N, C-alpha and C. Protein backbone atom coordinates (compact mmCIF):
# COMPACT_ATOMS: atom_id res chain seq x y z
N UNK A 1 2.11 -8.90 6.21
CA UNK A 1 2.36 -8.16 7.42
C UNK A 1 1.11 -7.47 7.93
N UNK A 2 0.19 -7.17 7.06
CA UNK A 2 -1.02 -6.47 7.49
C UNK A 2 -1.92 -7.35 8.36
N UNK A 3 -1.73 -8.66 8.35
CA UNK A 3 -2.51 -9.56 9.20
C UNK A 3 -1.92 -9.69 10.60
N UNK A 4 -0.76 -9.12 10.84
CA UNK A 4 -0.11 -9.14 12.16
C UNK A 4 -0.38 -7.80 12.84
N UNK A 5 -1.05 -7.81 13.99
CA UNK A 5 -1.38 -6.53 14.65
C UNK A 5 -0.16 -5.63 14.89
N UNK A 6 0.95 -6.19 15.33
CA UNK A 6 2.14 -5.37 15.58
C UNK A 6 2.71 -4.76 14.32
N UNK A 7 2.83 -5.57 13.26
CA UNK A 7 3.34 -5.06 11.98
C UNK A 7 2.38 -4.03 11.40
N UNK A 8 1.09 -4.33 11.46
CA UNK A 8 0.08 -3.41 10.91
C UNK A 8 0.16 -2.05 11.61
N UNK A 9 0.28 -2.07 12.94
CA UNK A 9 0.38 -0.81 13.69
C UNK A 9 1.59 0.00 13.23
N UNK A 10 2.72 -0.65 13.03
CA UNK A 10 3.91 0.06 12.57
C UNK A 10 3.72 0.61 11.16
N UNK A 11 3.18 -0.19 10.27
CA UNK A 11 2.98 0.23 8.87
C UNK A 11 2.07 1.45 8.79
N UNK A 12 1.02 1.45 9.59
CA UNK A 12 0.02 2.53 9.52
C UNK A 12 0.34 3.71 10.44
N UNK A 13 1.36 3.58 11.27
CA UNK A 13 1.71 4.64 12.22
C UNK A 13 2.17 5.90 11.51
N UNK A 14 1.73 7.03 12.01
CA UNK A 14 2.19 8.32 11.48
C UNK A 14 3.49 8.76 12.16
N UNK A 15 3.99 7.94 13.10
CA UNK A 15 5.22 8.27 13.81
C UNK A 15 6.46 8.05 12.95
N UNK A 16 6.35 7.23 11.93
CA UNK A 16 7.50 6.89 11.10
C UNK A 16 7.38 7.53 9.72
N UNK A 17 8.51 7.97 9.19
CA UNK A 17 8.52 8.57 7.86
C UNK A 17 9.40 7.79 6.89
N UNK A 18 10.14 6.82 7.40
CA UNK A 18 11.05 6.02 6.57
C UNK A 18 10.83 4.55 6.89
N UNK A 19 11.04 3.70 5.89
CA UNK A 19 10.96 2.26 6.10
C UNK A 19 12.09 1.58 5.34
N UNK A 20 12.62 0.55 5.94
CA UNK A 20 13.60 -0.31 5.27
C UNK A 20 13.06 -1.72 5.28
N UNK A 21 13.21 -2.43 4.19
CA UNK A 21 12.75 -3.81 4.08
C UNK A 21 13.90 -4.65 3.55
N UNK A 22 14.12 -5.79 4.18
CA UNK A 22 15.20 -6.66 3.75
C UNK A 22 14.71 -8.08 3.54
N UNK A 23 15.38 -8.79 2.65
CA UNK A 23 15.07 -10.19 2.35
C UNK A 23 16.37 -10.96 2.23
N UNK A 24 16.43 -12.09 2.90
CA UNK A 24 17.55 -13.01 2.75
C UNK A 24 16.98 -14.39 2.47
N UNK A 25 17.60 -15.10 1.56
CA UNK A 25 17.14 -16.44 1.21
C UNK A 25 18.28 -17.41 1.50
N UNK A 26 17.98 -18.49 2.24
CA UNK A 26 19.03 -19.45 2.53
C UNK A 26 19.20 -20.44 1.38
N UNK A 27 20.15 -21.34 1.51
CA UNK A 27 20.46 -22.26 0.41
C UNK A 27 19.32 -23.22 0.10
N UNK A 28 18.37 -23.37 1.03
CA UNK A 28 17.21 -24.23 0.79
C UNK A 28 16.02 -23.45 0.22
N UNK A 29 16.21 -22.17 -0.02
CA UNK A 29 15.16 -21.35 -0.60
C UNK A 29 14.21 -20.74 0.41
N UNK A 30 14.50 -20.91 1.70
CA UNK A 30 13.65 -20.31 2.73
C UNK A 30 13.95 -18.82 2.83
N UNK A 31 12.90 -18.01 2.79
CA UNK A 31 13.06 -16.56 2.83
C UNK A 31 12.90 -16.04 4.26
N UNK A 32 13.73 -15.07 4.60
CA UNK A 32 13.66 -14.37 5.87
C UNK A 32 13.52 -12.88 5.57
N UNK A 33 12.44 -12.29 6.06
CA UNK A 33 12.14 -10.88 5.81
C UNK A 33 12.33 -10.07 7.08
N UNK A 34 12.63 -8.82 6.91
CA UNK A 34 12.72 -7.90 8.04
C UNK A 34 12.19 -6.52 7.63
N UNK A 35 11.72 -5.79 8.62
CA UNK A 35 11.26 -4.41 8.41
C UNK A 35 11.94 -3.53 9.45
N UNK A 36 12.21 -2.31 9.07
CA UNK A 36 12.75 -1.33 10.01
C UNK A 36 12.03 -0.01 9.76
N UNK A 37 11.45 0.55 10.79
CA UNK A 37 10.71 1.80 10.69
C UNK A 37 11.48 2.89 11.41
N UNK A 38 11.60 4.05 10.75
CA UNK A 38 12.43 5.13 11.30
C UNK A 38 11.78 6.49 11.11
N UNK A 39 12.29 7.43 11.88
CA UNK A 39 11.96 8.84 11.71
C UNK A 39 13.27 9.59 11.88
N UNK A 40 13.70 10.36 10.88
CA UNK A 40 14.97 11.10 10.99
C UNK A 40 14.96 12.01 12.22
N UNK A 41 16.14 12.15 12.79
CA UNK A 41 16.27 13.01 13.98
C UNK A 41 16.43 14.45 13.57
C-alpha cells in the first residue's frame, strides 16, 4: 500500500486515529484486501 499515493497519504495522515483492515480469499485463493481509516466523533 505504501507504493500507492492515495493509500500512502491515508496511512501517513494525522487526520485518522483508527484503522481497520480486512482480507477475504475466494475459492481460487485470490485475496481481496480493504482498508478503512477513521477518527472517532
